Amino acid sequence: MPEIKYQRILLKVSGEALAGEAHRGLDFTIVNQLCDSIKACVDMGAQIGLVIGAGNFWRGVKDGADKMQRSHADAMGMLGTVMNAIAVADALNRHGLDARVLSAVEMNKFAEYYTRDLAERYLSEGKVVLFAAGTGNPYFSTDTGAVLRGVEIEADAVLMAKNVDAIYSADPAKDPNAVRYSRLTYGEVLSKNLKATDITAMALAMDNDMTMVCFGLNEENSILRVVRGEEIGTTVKNHF
């Protein structure tokens, strides 16, 4: 068995990344590729917690802006994460993995209610745990929810699988001179106001000395390569 660098991880995948070229809903070719990567990591001995965003269905802060009360718009976003978690859990089960959906909001017809101890038990048993409904509160992004769950389960790292392959000084799709970073401290991210995740997520990770790796989901075997310790994307720590 090849050695792995991160034995327990919290993997965050954006909802948009699962939508593919349609930019809405779920592209099951991409979902199945994600499941293949997760299975390869589990087969190597990794324990995986998974948070999926809801941008393929609804982004409360964007889609509901100036049209809805923010808490109501964010509630719709939380429900979108539950839909994504149910779909990916189903796909993981079809790949031979035991996947459980834990929701921060009680909805026992669709998911188990999240507690840290239940998540710990499932992870220790080798199950893939999908954390749905964000933090259960409005005004917090799924990036913040991912870091929070990563801290709670004492993950070795939070892996942010994004549409962009690293952290840049500016949006590389708009600025051809954007600088690509391979390593950053949390202090640098915050002082430069880099838009890798929201500030709350970065500050929470910094305060808890959590390693974060931001990388592109679409790169070949990217999740597996990060778990093995290959330096792709951008690694963020308090100190190197």
Protein backbone atom coordinates (compact mmCIF):
# COMPACT_ATOMS: atom_id res chain seq x y z
CA MET A 1 0.00 0.00 0.00
CA PRO A 2 1.42 3.43 -0.90
CA GLU A 3 2.00 5.80 1.99
CA ILE A 4 -0.48 8.59 2.57
CA LYS A 5 0.31 11.97 4.06
CA TYR A 6 -3.16 12.84 5.30
CA GLN A 7 -4.87 9.91 7.03
CA ARG A 8 -8.08 11.73 7.95
CA ILE A 9 -9.28 14.48 5.66
CA LEU A 10 -12.19 16.84 5.27
CA LEU A 11 -12.80 17.21 1.55
CA LYS A 12 -14.82 20.21 0.33
CA VAL A 13 -16.18 20.06 -3.21
CA SER A 14 -18.03 22.98 -4.75
CA GLY A 15 -21.49 22.32 -6.09
CA GLU A 16 -20.57 24.07 -9.33
CA ALA A 17 -17.79 21.55 -9.90
CA LEU A 18 -20.35 18.73 -9.95
CA ALA A 19 -22.60 20.52 -12.43
CA GLY A 20 -20.22 20.24 -15.37
CA GLU A 21 -20.80 22.25 -18.52
CA ALA A 22 -24.53 22.60 -17.80
CA HIS A 23 -23.64 24.76 -14.76
CA ARG A 24 -26.81 23.54 -13.02
CA GLY A 25 -27.85 20.25 -11.48
CA LEU A 26 -25.57 17.22 -11.39
CA ASP A 27 -23.31 15.77 -14.07
CA PHE A 28 -23.11 12.12 -13.02
CA THR A 29 -19.98 11.53 -15.07
CA ILE A 30 -18.23 14.01 -12.77
CA VAL A 31 -19.98 12.60 -9.68
CA ASN A 32 -18.77 9.10 -10.55
CA GLN A 33 -15.23 10.35 -11.15
CA LEU A 34 -15.34 11.95 -7.69
CA CYS A 35 -16.52 8.65 -6.21
CA ASP A 36 -13.70 6.77 -7.97
CA SER A 37 -11.17 9.16 -6.40
CA ILE A 38 -12.71 8.85 -2.94
CA LYS A 39 -12.76 5.05 -3.19
CA ALA A 40 -9.08 5.01 -4.17
CA CYS A 41 -8.27 7.12 -1.09
CA VAL A 42 -10.37 4.90 1.21
CA ASP A 43 -8.73 1.79 -0.23
CA MET A 44 -5.37 3.30 0.78
CA GLY A 45 -6.59 3.74 4.34
CA ALA A 46 -7.78 7.35 4.34
CA GLN A 47 -10.79 8.40 6.40
CA ILE A 48 -12.92 10.92 4.53
CA GLY A 49 -15.44 13.51 5.60
CA LEU A 50 -17.08 15.31 2.69
CA VAL A 51 -18.79 18.69 2.40
CA ILE A 52 -20.47 19.66 -0.87
CA GLY A 53 -21.57 23.17 -1.71
CA ALA A 54 -24.90 24.00 -3.31
CA GLY A 55 -23.93 26.41 -6.09
CA ASN A 56 -25.24 24.00 -8.73
CA PHE A 57 -28.73 24.56 -7.29
CA TRP A 58 -28.73 27.80 -5.30
CA ARG A 59 -26.33 30.32 -3.81
CA GLY A 60 -28.19 32.24 -1.11
CA VAL A 61 -25.89 35.25 -1.01
CA LYS A 62 -25.94 35.55 -4.82
CA ASP A 63 -29.24 34.15 -6.10
CA GLY A 64 -31.28 35.64 -3.28
CA ALA A 65 -29.46 38.98 -3.08
CA ASP A 66 -31.86 41.93 -2.72
CA LYS A 67 -34.77 39.60 -3.53
CA MET A 68 -35.17 37.64 -0.29
CA GLN A 69 -34.42 37.95 3.39
CA ARG A 70 -30.86 36.61 3.77
CA SER A 71 -31.71 33.92 6.35
CA HIS A 72 -34.40 32.49 4.06
CA ALA A 73 -32.07 32.50 1.05
CA ASP A 74 -29.37 30.77 3.10
CA ALA A 75 -31.89 28.16 4.27
CA MET A 76 -32.51 27.28 0.63
CA GLY A 77 -28.76 26.92 0.15
CA MET A 78 -28.59 24.52 3.11
CA LEU A 79 -31.30 22.39 1.50
CA GLY A 80 -29.29 22.38 -1.72
CA THR A 81 -26.31 20.89 0.13
CA VAL A 82 -28.57 18.14 1.48
CA MET A 83 -29.72 17.27 -2.05
CA ASN A 84 -26.11 17.08 -3.23
CA ALA A 85 -25.09 14.97 -0.23
CA ILE A 86 -27.91 12.47 -0.83
CA ALA A 87 -26.97 12.15 -4.51
CA VAL A 88 -23.24 11.67 -3.85
CA ALA A 89 -23.90 9.24 -0.96
CA ASP A 90 -26.03 7.17 -3.33
CA ALA A 91 -23.23 7.18 -5.90
CA LEU A 92 -20.64 6.23 -3.26
CA ASN A 93 -22.82 3.31 -2.18
CA ARG A 94 -22.97 2.16 -5.80
CA HIS A 95 -19.17 2.22 -5.80
CA GLY A 96 -19.11 -0.21 -2.88
CA LEU A 97 -18.53 2.31 -0.10
CA ASP A 98 -20.62 2.81 3.02
CA ALA A 99 -21.61 6.49 2.99
CA ARG A 100 -23.68 8.29 5.60
CA VAL A 101 -25.29 11.73 5.39
CA LEU A 102 -25.22 13.76 8.61
CA SER A 103 -27.23 16.96 8.57
CA ALA A 104 -26.71 20.00 10.80
CA VAL A 105 -30.48 20.51 10.58
CA GLU A 106 -32.81 17.75 11.76
CA MET A 107 -34.56 16.02 8.84
CA ASN A 108 -34.69 12.37 9.84
CA LYS A 109 -36.52 11.25 6.71
CA PHE A 110 -33.45 12.06 4.62
CA ALA A 111 -30.38 12.18 6.87
CA GLU A 112 -29.11 11.49 10.35
CA TYR A 113 -28.70 14.42 12.71
CA TYR A 114 -25.09 15.51 13.02
CA THR A 115 -23.16 15.04 16.23
CA ARG A 116 -19.41 15.04 16.49
CA ASP A 117 -19.37 11.67 18.27
CA LEU A 118 -21.49 9.98 15.60
CA ALA A 119 -19.22 11.35 12.88
CA GLU A 120 -16.16 10.10 14.77
CA ARG A 121 -17.67 6.62 15.09
CA TYR A 122 -18.53 6.38 11.40
CA LEU A 123 -15.13 7.65 10.28
CA SER A 124 -13.34 5.18 12.55
CA GLU A 125 -15.46 2.40 11.03
CA GLY A 126 -14.25 3.34 7.54
CA LYS A 127 -17.48 4.99 6.39
CA VAL A 128 -17.47 8.11 4.22
CA VAL A 129 -19.33 10.83 6.11
CA LEU A 130 -21.12 13.56 4.18
CA PHE A 131 -21.76 16.68 6.24
CA ALA A 132 -24.87 18.44 4.94
CA ALA A 133 -26.74 21.68 5.69
CA GLY A 134 -23.59 23.68 6.36
CA THR A 135 -23.27 24.81 9.96
CA GLY A 136 -27.06 24.84 10.34
CA ASN A 137 -26.99 28.64 10.51
CA PRO A 138 -27.39 31.44 7.97
CA TYR A 139 -24.57 33.85 7.11
CA PHE A 140 -21.97 31.05 7.04
CA SER A 141 -20.62 29.59 3.81
CA THR A 142 -20.03 25.91 3.15
CA ASP A 143 -16.29 26.71 3.16
CA THR A 144 -16.67 27.79 6.78
CA GLY A 145 -18.79 24.70 7.45
CA ALA A 146 -16.06 22.51 5.95
CA VAL A 147 -13.34 24.01 8.15
CA LEU A 148 -15.58 23.74 11.20
CA ARG A 149 -16.24 20.04 10.57
CA GLY A 150 -12.56 19.48 9.79
CA VAL A 151 -11.59 20.98 13.14
CA GLU A 152 -14.28 18.99 14.97
CA ILE A 153 -13.24 15.62 13.52
CA GLU A 154 -9.55 16.49 14.06
CA ALA A 155 -8.73 16.11 10.38
CA ASP A 156 -5.11 16.18 9.27
CA ALA A 157 -6.06 18.64 6.54
CA VAL A 158 -8.98 20.38 4.88
CA LEU A 159 -8.84 19.84 1.12
CA MET A 160 -10.66 22.46 -0.95
CA ALA A 161 -11.41 21.03 -4.42
CA LYS A 162 -12.29 24.03 -6.55
CA ASN A 163 -12.86 25.04 -10.17
CA VAL A 164 -9.50 26.87 -10.03
CA ASP A 165 -6.26 24.90 -9.72
CA ALA A 166 -4.66 27.05 -6.98
CA ILE A 167 -4.85 30.34 -5.11
CA TYR A 168 -4.01 33.35 -7.30
CA SER A 169 -3.45 37.03 -6.62
CA ALA A 170 -6.47 37.76 -8.83
CA ASP A 171 -9.00 35.83 -10.89
CA PRO A 172 -6.81 34.09 -13.52
CA ALA A 173 -9.77 33.95 -15.92
CA LYS A 174 -9.90 37.76 -15.91
CA ASP A 175 -6.30 38.77 -15.22
CA PRO A 176 -3.58 37.06 -17.32
CA ASN A 177 -0.95 38.52 -14.98
CA ALA A 178 -2.41 36.91 -11.86
CA VAL A 179 0.30 35.35 -9.68
CA ARG A 180 -0.11 31.67 -8.79
CA TYR A 181 0.92 30.65 -5.27
CA SER A 182 2.11 27.19 -4.24
CA ARG A 183 2.52 27.98 -0.52
CA LEU A 184 0.99 30.66 1.66
CA THR A 185 0.63 31.38 5.34
CA TYR A 186 -2.78 32.30 6.69
CA GLY A 187 -1.35 35.69 7.57
CA GLU A 188 -0.42 36.26 3.92
CA VAL A 189 -3.84 35.15 2.68
CA LEU A 190 -5.60 37.56 5.02
CA SER A 191 -3.21 40.49 4.55
CA LYS A 192 -3.34 40.18 0.75
CA ASN A 193 -7.13 39.67 0.87
CA LEU A 194 -6.84 36.64 -1.40
CA LYS A 195 -10.20 35.16 -2.41
CA ALA A 196 -9.49 31.46 -1.89
CA THR A 197 -12.32 30.98 0.60
CA ASP A 198 -14.31 33.43 2.67
CA ILE A 199 -12.46 35.23 5.46
CA THR A 200 -14.36 33.39 8.22
CA ALA A 201 -13.18 30.01 6.93
CA MET A 202 -9.57 31.18 6.70
CA ALA A 203 -9.61 32.74 10.17
CA LEU A 204 -11.13 29.60 11.70
CA ALA A 205 -8.49 27.42 10.05
CA MET A 206 -5.72 29.78 11.19
CA ASP A 207 -6.97 29.87 14.79
CA ASN A 208 -7.01 26.06 14.91
CA ASP A 209 -3.68 25.53 13.11
CA MET A 210 -5.38 23.53 10.36
CA THR A 211 -3.56 22.70 7.14
CA MET A 212 -5.57 23.64 4.04
CA VAL A 213 -4.88 22.64 0.45
CA CYS A 214 -6.71 24.43 -2.38
CA PHE A 215 -6.51 22.66 -5.74
CA GLY A 216 -8.45 21.93 -8.93
CA LEU A 217 -10.96 19.09 -8.84
CA ASN A 218 -10.66 18.61 -12.60
CA GLU A 219 -6.94 17.84 -12.54
CA GLU A 220 -6.29 14.13 -13.10
CA ASN A 221 -6.21 12.14 -9.82
CA SER A 222 -5.93 15.43 -7.93
CA ILE A 223 -7.59 14.24 -4.69
CA LEU A 224 -5.48 11.08 -4.58
CA ARG A 225 -2.30 13.05 -5.30
CA VAL A 226 -2.96 15.49 -2.47
CA VAL A 227 -3.73 12.69 0.00
CA ARG A 228 -0.43 11.05 -0.94
CA GLY A 229 1.38 14.30 -0.22
CA GLU A 230 2.11 15.57 -3.72
CA GLU A 231 2.30 19.36 -3.70
CA ILE A 232 -0.31 20.48 -6.18
CA GLY A 233 -2.45 23.58 -5.88
CA THR A 234 -1.74 25.83 -2.90
CA THR A 235 -0.96 24.68 0.62
CA VAL A 236 -1.88 27.12 3.40
CA LYS A 237 -0.49 26.81 6.94
CA ASN A 238 0.44 29.06 9.83
CA HIS A 239 4.12 28.13 9.40
CA PHE A 240 6.27 26.18 6.92
